[in-house]
Every structure is written in C-alpha cells, then in structure tokens.
Amino acid sequence: MQVQLTHRQQHILWATVRHYIATAEPVGSKALVEEYNLGVSSATIRSIMGMLEKTGLLYQPHTSAGRIPSDSGYRHYVDQLVTPSEILVQQVEQALQKRLKWEDWSLEALLQGAAQILATLSGCITLITMPQNSTAALRHLQLVQAEAGRVMLIVVTDSYETHSILMDMTTVNRVSEADTEVIDRELQIVSNFLNSHLRGKNLLELGKLDWTQLDREFQCYGEFLKTSLVELSRRTHNPSTTQIMVRGVSEVLRQPEFSQLQQVQTIIQLLEEEQEQLWKLIVDEPEEDSAKSRVTVRIGAENTLQPIRSCTLISSTYRRGTVPVGSVGVLGPTRLDYDNAIAVVAAAAEYLSEAFS
C-alpha cells in the first residue's frame, strides 16, 4: 500500500535517498542540513526521519547509525519522486547513433555494442535480449507436396529464418482423386495467393486471420491451411529462450553491496549459466497494441530470483512497429541512481525500436 506523505516528508525522503545513493553511508540529519536546502531545523529532520522509519520507508542498520532507504522507500521514491534525466536521454541517443552502424554490422554485433554503451553510461550490468522468433514477419510461404495426402508448409521470415510444418491434408476431399502434377499446380496457386495476402504480417497474426476472406476457389483448402498456420503461430508464440547480451559486470561488482564473494558468484552463475531464469524475468508480456514501451522497475525482494533479491532490475521492451521484439535492461544494487538508470533504459528501448522499425 502506498504511504501518503506530506510535501515536506517527501522532500526529506528524497534527500535521504539521494544522499545514500551518492555516499553508500547511512544518512543523518546533520548531513541533510549541510547538503540540502530543506528549510527546516536538524531536530525537525530527525523527527520526520523517525516517522519515515516507522512507516517502513527508512531503517537503521544499527542503533547509533543514520538511516538508509528500505525497498519500500526506494519504491515510493521511484513511484512518486523520480525525475528521469532528459539530458542523459539525449546523451544515450547521441551515443547510440554515433557509435552504432545498423547498415554495416550484424544484428548480434549491434546489440553487443548497444549493451556496452549502456553499461558505460549507467554503471550497471546491462542485459539485452536477442529478438524473439515470434516477432518475425513473413517474407515468403511455400506449400510443397511431400507424399500422398501430406504437405509441407515452409515459411521464411524477414530475418531469413526458416520454419516448416508437415501436415496431413485429409480435409481436402479430392486429394485421392487428383494426380501429383495437379496437386503441385494447385499448391503453387495457393502459395502465390497466400504470399500476396500474408507477406509482411507478423507470425503471431497468422492465428488471428479472418478466413472468410479466402477466395471461394480455395475453400477446400481452408481448414487445412488454417490448421497449419495456427499451429505455426502457436509454436512461435512461445519461443525458446533467446540469448542475453551481458555487459558491465566488472563495473557494478566494485560496488560495496557486492563485497561478499558468495553473492558475486551466485550473480555471475545466473548471468552465465542460468539465463533462462533471468530471461523469464526481464522479458515482460506487454500489450501488443501499445506503441510505447513502459519501463518496469523491480526493487529488491520484488525480484523472484534469489541471487538478485538484493538488486534492482530496470527493463523495457524494444519493438518492431507495435510488436514487442526483445528487452533491454540494467541490473545493479538497490542503491541505484534511479533517475539516470530509468532514463538510460527508456532511451535505449526507444532507439532500438526506431532502428528495428
């Protein structure tokens, strides 16, 4: 439940979070008086910090120390107080445009380059997933007679990946009556017809077509084609785990939060050997009809994977048109510069979306 704070209380929470992010040291009222123009006395600040501790937004690591933000405190900060840096957004876009050459590089090299740039700008581990097959568009379709009563549906995507399905054509009543040459000719006609209607469509759309638009002369093939294309759509809707580009590990592991060797080892193991688990977390299921990606922020225990329950994961989707293609994210300690990290992720997702479109 969101805690309701007054403007003054929010200002002091904001200052506490900002000071702790900058210093990694528990924050006392004296430090806030010296560093921030809060317009109130040290005693008032101590009183408000005590109230914020009672509401669970701050806590003391030990009795004589100052206070530090809890996961709930960071969540309130992100939801109510963050102001993403417009200057940093422009810097990210300029850096990506200047250093990445879409027309000359391979897709993998481009995403690796983007990941390295984001790691440098954010100071975090950067994660970018390779595009998912389910977001590919149809480039060419071909129906080929394999044997009596069986036809292979072959689809080539716009990224030149090939998918095929071998299907029984028992729904076409006259198969047994037609000779091989007749069937080959008719399959070619149907292939040409479908290519003219389906070229450029996303594979996920194939299961949602209005089959009443099929020409009457091909009605005998309708149920067979529907079964084939819906099956292709089903298979590509849940693609196998894609590769995740990882950059920036050495930088973020210098942070004091990662001083324990065991914690570092579990995070590295997750990044190198258990990407399937991480992939499920970083890849959201956004609305396909939304033209703009949202930024998701998971703080501390909001992450379901044990190795990163003391970390923050910020992610967003990049798209081809309105269709989600992949995800871009940063992983760092909960003591993270949220304003900058959110701006970096948002700018990178927007840039990759424009590039893919």
Protein backbone atom coordinates (compact mmCIF):
# COMPACT_ATOMS: atom_id res chain seq x y z
CA MET A 1 0.00 0.00 0.00
CA GLN A 2 1.33 3.43 -0.96
CA VAL A 3 2.16 5.61 2.08
CA GLN A 4 0.70 9.13 1.94
CA LEU A 5 3.37 11.74 2.74
CA THR A 6 3.28 15.49 3.05
CA HIS A 7 5.40 17.58 0.72
CA ARG A 8 7.99 18.13 3.47
CA GLN A 9 8.14 14.44 4.30
CA GLN A 10 8.59 13.57 0.65
CA HIS A 11 11.34 16.15 0.32
CA ILE A 12 13.26 14.66 3.23
CA LEU A 13 12.77 11.12 1.90
CA TRP A 14 14.02 12.33 -1.50
CA ALA A 15 17.11 13.93 0.09
CA THR A 16 17.82 10.81 2.16
CA VAL A 17 17.64 8.53 -0.86
CA ARG A 18 19.77 10.84 -3.00
CA HIS A 19 22.42 11.21 -0.27
CA TYR A 20 22.60 7.47 0.35
CA ILE A 21 22.86 6.73 -3.37
CA ALA A 22 25.79 9.14 -3.61
CA THR A 23 27.70 8.05 -0.47
CA ALA A 24 26.64 4.48 0.39
CA GLU A 25 26.74 5.65 4.03
CA PRO A 26 23.78 5.78 6.48
CA VAL A 27 22.27 9.27 6.43
CA GLY A 28 21.89 11.50 9.48
CA SER A 29 20.00 14.77 9.91
CA LYS A 30 23.24 16.77 10.07
CA ALA A 31 24.29 15.59 6.61
CA LEU A 32 20.92 16.61 5.15
CA VAL A 33 21.12 20.06 6.76
CA GLU A 34 24.60 20.62 5.32
CA GLU A 35 24.00 19.21 1.83
CA TYR A 36 20.40 20.16 1.04
CA ASN A 37 18.41 23.34 1.38
CA LEU A 38 15.48 21.80 3.25
CA GLY A 39 14.42 24.94 5.09
CA VAL A 40 13.91 23.15 8.42
CA SER A 41 15.99 22.51 11.55
CA SER A 42 18.02 19.39 12.26
CA ALA A 43 15.54 18.47 15.02
CA THR A 44 12.62 18.60 12.57
CA ILE A 45 14.54 16.44 10.10
CA ARG A 46 15.28 13.86 12.83
CA SER A 47 11.60 13.78 13.76
CA ILE A 48 10.48 13.24 10.16
CA MET A 49 13.15 10.60 9.57
CA GLY A 50 11.85 8.80 12.65
CA MET A 51 8.34 8.88 11.20
CA LEU A 52 9.62 7.57 7.87
CA GLU A 53 11.31 4.73 9.73
CA LYS A 54 8.05 3.82 11.50
CA THR A 55 6.25 3.65 8.15
CA GLY A 56 8.91 1.27 6.82
CA LEU A 57 10.43 3.65 4.25
CA LEU A 58 13.75 4.02 6.13
CA TYR A 59 15.61 1.84 8.62
CA GLN A 60 18.71 1.93 10.81
CA PRO A 61 21.35 -0.77 10.15
CA HIS A 62 22.32 -0.41 13.83
CA THR A 63 21.26 1.83 16.71
CA SER A 64 23.96 4.52 16.55
CA ALA A 65 23.89 4.82 12.75
CA GLY A 66 21.94 7.10 10.49
CA ARG A 67 19.15 5.76 8.30
CA ILE A 68 19.07 4.17 4.87
CA PRO A 69 16.19 3.55 2.46
CA SER A 70 14.32 0.25 2.57
CA ASP A 71 12.95 -1.48 -0.53
CA SER A 72 9.65 0.27 0.25
CA GLY A 73 11.46 3.60 0.49
CA TYR A 74 13.02 3.08 -2.92
CA ARG A 75 9.62 2.03 -4.29
CA HIS A 76 8.00 5.24 -3.03
CA TYR A 77 10.91 7.22 -4.45
CA VAL A 78 10.55 5.58 -7.89
CA ASP A 79 6.76 5.87 -7.99
CA GLN A 80 6.47 9.43 -6.64
CA LEU A 81 9.76 11.30 -6.73
CA VAL A 82 11.91 10.17 -9.68
CA THR A 83 12.68 12.69 -12.41
CA PRO A 84 14.43 10.89 -15.30
CA SER A 85 17.26 12.98 -16.74
CA GLU A 86 16.33 14.44 -20.14
CA ILE A 87 19.99 15.37 -20.66
CA LEU A 88 21.03 11.75 -20.16
CA VAL A 89 18.29 10.57 -22.55
CA GLN A 90 19.81 12.79 -25.23
CA GLN A 91 23.32 11.58 -24.41
CA VAL A 92 22.26 7.94 -24.74
CA GLU A 93 20.53 8.56 -28.07
CA GLN A 94 23.51 10.52 -29.41
CA ALA A 95 25.99 7.87 -28.27
CA LEU A 96 23.98 5.06 -29.87
CA GLN A 97 23.51 6.97 -33.13
CA LYS A 98 27.17 7.95 -33.31
CA ARG A 99 28.74 4.60 -32.47
CA LEU A 100 26.31 2.05 -33.95
CA LYS A 101 26.07 1.47 -37.69
CA TRP A 102 22.96 -0.59 -38.48
CA GLU A 103 23.70 -0.78 -42.18
CA ASP A 104 27.19 -2.27 -41.73
CA TRP A 105 27.07 -4.51 -38.65
CA SER A 106 25.47 -7.85 -37.88
CA LEU A 107 22.50 -7.85 -35.52
CA GLU A 108 24.47 -9.54 -32.74
CA ALA A 109 27.35 -7.07 -33.04
CA LEU A 110 24.93 -4.14 -32.90
CA LEU A 111 23.22 -5.34 -29.73
CA GLN A 112 26.57 -6.11 -28.11
CA GLY A 113 27.69 -2.57 -28.94
CA ALA A 114 24.49 -1.11 -27.53
CA ALA A 115 24.89 -3.15 -24.33
CA GLN A 116 28.45 -1.88 -23.82
CA ILE A 117 27.40 1.75 -24.31
CA LEU A 118 24.56 1.39 -21.80
CA ALA A 119 26.84 -0.30 -19.25
CA THR A 120 29.30 2.57 -19.51
CA LEU A 121 26.62 5.25 -19.17
CA SER A 122 24.64 3.58 -16.37
CA GLY A 123 27.43 1.93 -14.37
CA CYS A 124 25.22 -1.17 -14.18
CA ILE A 125 25.13 -4.64 -15.67
CA THR A 126 23.31 -4.25 -18.98
CA LEU A 127 21.08 -7.00 -20.36
CA ILE A 128 19.70 -7.00 -23.91
CA THR A 129 17.84 -9.99 -25.30
CA MET A 130 18.22 -11.04 -28.91
CA PRO A 131 14.99 -10.62 -30.94
CA GLN A 132 12.43 -13.38 -30.46
CA ASN A 133 11.37 -15.52 -33.41
CA SER A 134 7.70 -14.92 -32.60
CA THR A 135 8.08 -11.28 -33.62
CA ALA A 136 9.35 -12.08 -37.12
CA ALA A 137 7.34 -11.12 -40.16
CA LEU A 138 6.52 -13.45 -43.04
CA ARG A 139 8.71 -12.95 -46.11
CA HIS A 140 7.75 -16.00 -48.18
CA LEU A 141 5.46 -19.01 -47.84
CA GLN A 142 5.53 -22.22 -49.87
CA LEU A 143 3.32 -25.32 -49.87
CA VAL A 144 5.13 -28.44 -51.11
CA GLN A 145 3.67 -31.90 -51.62
CA ALA A 146 5.73 -34.31 -49.52
CA GLU A 147 3.85 -37.58 -50.09
CA ALA A 148 0.33 -38.78 -50.73
CA GLY A 149 -2.03 -36.81 -48.51
CA ARG A 150 0.76 -34.84 -46.78
CA VAL A 151 2.01 -31.34 -47.48
CA MET A 152 4.91 -29.36 -46.01
CA LEU A 153 4.32 -25.71 -45.17
CA ILE A 154 7.59 -23.76 -45.39
CA VAL A 155 7.82 -20.17 -44.11
CA VAL A 156 10.77 -17.79 -44.49
CA THR A 157 10.79 -14.74 -42.19
CA ASP A 158 12.10 -11.26 -42.84
CA SER A 159 15.28 -12.22 -40.92
CA TYR A 160 15.70 -15.20 -43.31
CA GLU A 161 14.91 -17.80 -40.67
CA THR A 162 13.03 -20.85 -41.93
CA HIS A 163 10.17 -22.70 -40.24
CA SER A 164 8.41 -25.78 -41.58
CA ILE A 165 5.47 -27.98 -40.62
CA LEU A 166 4.47 -31.33 -42.13
CA MET A 167 0.68 -31.64 -42.14
CA ASP A 168 -1.94 -34.17 -43.21
CA MET A 169 -4.19 -32.81 -45.99
CA THR A 170 -7.07 -35.16 -45.22
CA THR A 171 -9.55 -32.26 -45.06
CA VAL A 172 -9.21 -31.79 -48.82
CA ASN A 173 -11.71 -34.37 -50.11
CA ARG A 174 -10.40 -34.60 -53.65
CA VAL A 175 -6.76 -35.33 -52.77
CA SER A 176 -7.10 -39.01 -53.51
CA GLU A 177 -8.71 -38.24 -56.86
CA ALA A 178 -6.10 -35.77 -58.12
CA ASP A 179 -2.75 -36.76 -59.60
CA THR A 180 0.55 -35.43 -58.32
CA GLU A 181 1.01 -32.78 -61.01
CA VAL A 182 -2.46 -31.34 -60.44
CA ILE A 183 -1.86 -31.08 -56.70
CA ASP A 184 1.54 -29.44 -57.26
CA ARG A 185 -0.04 -26.83 -59.55
CA GLU A 186 -2.84 -26.10 -57.11
CA LEU A 187 -0.46 -25.84 -54.17
CA GLN A 188 1.62 -23.34 -56.14
CA ILE A 189 -1.51 -21.29 -56.89
CA VAL A 190 -2.49 -21.34 -53.22
CA SER A 191 1.09 -20.41 -52.21
CA ASN A 192 1.04 -17.43 -54.56
CA PHE A 193 -2.37 -16.39 -53.27
CA LEU A 194 -1.27 -16.57 -49.63
CA ASN A 195 2.01 -14.75 -50.28
CA SER A 196 0.12 -11.84 -51.81
CA HIS A 197 -2.17 -11.64 -48.76
CA LEU A 198 0.18 -12.52 -45.88
CA ARG A 199 3.61 -11.13 -46.83
CA GLY A 200 4.81 -8.72 -44.14
CA LYS A 201 2.42 -9.97 -41.45
CA ASN A 202 3.81 -10.90 -38.05
CA LEU A 203 3.81 -14.65 -37.38
CA LEU A 204 1.64 -14.10 -34.30
CA GLU A 205 -1.04 -12.63 -36.56
CA LEU A 206 -1.40 -15.84 -38.57
CA GLY A 207 -3.59 -17.44 -35.95
CA LYS A 208 -5.94 -14.45 -35.93
CA LEU A 209 -6.71 -14.13 -39.64
CA ASP A 210 -10.24 -13.70 -40.97
CA TRP A 211 -10.53 -16.86 -43.02
CA THR A 212 -13.73 -15.69 -44.72
CA GLN A 213 -11.51 -13.56 -46.94
CA LEU A 214 -10.07 -16.64 -48.66
CA ASP A 215 -11.16 -16.87 -52.22
CA ARG A 216 -14.04 -19.37 -52.83
CA GLU A 217 -11.98 -21.44 -55.25
CA PHE A 218 -9.62 -22.29 -52.39
CA GLN A 219 -12.31 -23.14 -49.84
CA CYS A 220 -11.46 -26.83 -49.99
CA TYR A 221 -8.00 -25.94 -48.63
CA GLY A 222 -9.30 -23.55 -45.99
CA GLU A 223 -9.43 -25.85 -42.95
CA PHE A 224 -6.07 -27.43 -43.78
CA LEU A 225 -4.40 -24.03 -44.21
CA LYS A 226 -6.00 -22.67 -41.06
CA THR A 227 -4.74 -25.67 -39.06
CA SER A 228 -1.22 -25.30 -40.49
CA LEU A 229 -0.86 -21.56 -39.91
CA VAL A 230 -2.46 -21.60 -36.47
CA GLU A 231 -0.03 -24.37 -35.48
CA LEU A 232 2.89 -22.28 -36.79
CA SER A 233 1.62 -19.29 -34.80
CA ARG A 234 1.29 -21.42 -31.66
CA ARG A 235 4.83 -22.73 -31.95
CA THR A 236 6.38 -19.29 -32.44
CA HIS A 237 4.28 -17.63 -29.72
CA ASN A 238 6.35 -19.37 -27.04
CA PRO A 239 9.88 -19.22 -28.46
CA SER A 240 12.82 -20.93 -26.85
CA THR A 241 14.92 -18.77 -24.57
CA THR A 242 16.91 -16.26 -26.56
CA GLN A 243 20.47 -15.20 -25.87
CA ILE A 244 21.00 -12.29 -23.50
CA MET A 245 23.83 -9.85 -24.18
CA VAL A 246 25.52 -9.08 -20.83
CA ARG A 247 27.94 -6.20 -20.30
CA GLY A 248 29.21 -4.15 -17.35
CA VAL A 249 29.74 -6.92 -14.76
CA SER A 250 33.18 -5.75 -13.66
CA GLU A 251 32.00 -2.20 -13.04
CA VAL A 252 28.97 -2.97 -10.89
CA LEU A 253 30.76 -5.63 -8.85
CA ARG A 254 33.06 -2.90 -7.50
CA GLN A 255 30.10 -1.51 -5.55
CA PRO A 256 30.25 -2.11 -1.75
CA GLU A 257 26.99 -4.10 -1.90
CA PHE A 258 28.89 -6.86 -3.73
CA SER A 259 31.78 -7.23 -1.31
CA GLN A 260 30.78 -10.78 -0.34
CA LEU A 261 32.33 -13.36 -2.67
CA GLN A 262 29.43 -15.81 -2.40
CA GLN A 263 26.91 -13.21 -3.56
CA VAL A 264 29.12 -12.28 -6.51
CA GLN A 265 29.44 -15.94 -7.50
CA THR A 266 25.67 -16.53 -7.48
CA ILE A 267 25.05 -13.46 -9.65
CA ILE A 268 27.76 -14.46 -12.15
CA GLN A 269 26.37 -18.00 -12.26
CA LEU A 270 22.92 -16.59 -13.00
CA LEU A 271 24.26 -14.40 -15.80
CA GLU A 272 26.44 -17.09 -17.38
CA GLU A 273 24.71 -20.42 -16.73
CA GLU A 274 21.08 -19.76 -15.82
CA GLN A 275 19.98 -17.19 -18.38
CA GLU A 276 16.69 -19.00 -18.93
CA GLN A 277 15.53 -17.96 -15.43
CA LEU A 278 16.70 -14.39 -15.94
CA TRP A 279 15.11 -14.26 -19.41
CA LYS A 280 11.69 -15.06 -17.95
CA LEU A 281 12.08 -12.13 -15.56
CA ILE A 282 13.41 -9.49 -17.94
CA VAL A 283 11.02 -10.25 -20.80
CA ASP A 284 7.62 -8.78 -19.95
CA GLU A 285 4.38 -9.62 -21.74
CA PRO A 286 3.38 -6.11 -22.87
CA GLU A 287 0.23 -5.17 -24.74
CA GLU A 288 0.86 -5.64 -28.45
CA ASP A 289 -1.28 -2.67 -29.44
CA SER A 290 0.71 -0.27 -27.29
CA ALA A 291 3.02 1.85 -29.43
CA LYS A 292 5.20 2.93 -26.49
CA SER A 293 7.08 0.65 -24.13
CA ARG A 294 6.83 1.17 -20.40
CA VAL A 295 9.79 0.92 -18.04
CA THR A 296 9.46 -1.75 -15.35
CA VAL A 297 11.38 -1.34 -12.09
CA ARG A 298 11.77 -4.36 -9.77
CA ILE A 299 13.37 -3.48 -6.45
CA GLY A 300 14.96 -5.96 -4.04
CA ALA A 301 12.50 -8.63 -2.93
CA GLU A 302 10.23 -7.77 -5.89
CA ASN A 303 12.67 -9.87 -7.93
CA THR A 304 11.68 -13.53 -7.80
CA LEU A 305 15.21 -14.87 -8.37
CA GLN A 306 17.16 -15.36 -5.14
CA PRO A 307 20.58 -14.22 -6.45
CA ILE A 308 19.22 -10.74 -7.30
CA ARG A 309 16.79 -10.16 -4.43
CA SER A 310 19.18 -7.51 -3.11
CA CYS A 311 19.36 -5.85 -6.53
CA THR A 312 17.23 -3.64 -8.73
CA LEU A 313 16.30 -4.71 -12.27
CA ILE A 314 15.03 -1.99 -14.63
CA SER A 315 13.77 -3.15 -18.02
CA SER A 316 11.72 -2.18 -21.04
CA THR A 317 10.80 -3.72 -24.39
CA TYR A 318 12.02 -2.66 -27.79
CA ARG A 319 9.67 -3.13 -30.73
CA ARG A 320 9.22 -3.51 -34.44
CA GLY A 321 6.28 -1.17 -35.02
CA THR A 322 3.85 -2.03 -32.22
CA VAL A 323 5.05 -5.64 -31.86
CA PRO A 324 7.44 -6.43 -28.95
CA VAL A 325 10.78 -7.76 -30.26
CA GLY A 326 13.07 -8.02 -27.24
CA SER A 327 14.03 -6.44 -23.94
CA VAL A 328 16.71 -4.10 -22.68
CA GLY A 329 17.53 -3.70 -19.00
CA VAL A 330 20.07 -2.77 -16.34
CA LEU A 331 20.86 -4.65 -13.13
CA GLY A 332 22.50 -3.02 -10.14
CA PRO A 333 22.29 -2.65 -6.35
CA THR A 334 19.10 -1.22 -4.84
CA ARG A 335 21.29 1.81 -4.04
CA LEU A 336 20.97 2.81 -7.66
CA ASP A 337 20.74 6.18 -9.37
CA TYR A 338 17.15 5.51 -10.44
CA ASP A 339 16.71 8.82 -12.28
CA ASN A 340 19.61 8.06 -14.60
CA ALA A 341 19.05 4.31 -14.91
CA ILE A 342 15.39 4.72 -15.89
CA ALA A 343 16.36 7.38 -18.43
CA VAL A 344 19.06 5.12 -19.93
CA VAL A 345 16.70 2.14 -20.31
CA ALA A 346 13.88 4.25 -21.76
CA ALA A 347 16.19 5.94 -24.28
CA ALA A 348 17.78 2.65 -25.34
CA ALA A 349 14.42 0.94 -25.82
CA GLU A 350 13.19 3.87 -27.90
CA TYR A 351 16.34 3.89 -30.03
CA LEU A 352 16.25 0.13 -30.67
CA SER A 353 12.53 0.35 -31.51
CA GLU A 354 13.20 3.03 -34.11
CA ALA A 355 16.09 1.04 -35.54
CA PHE A 356 14.09 -2.20 -35.84
CA SER A 357 11.13 -0.39 -37.38
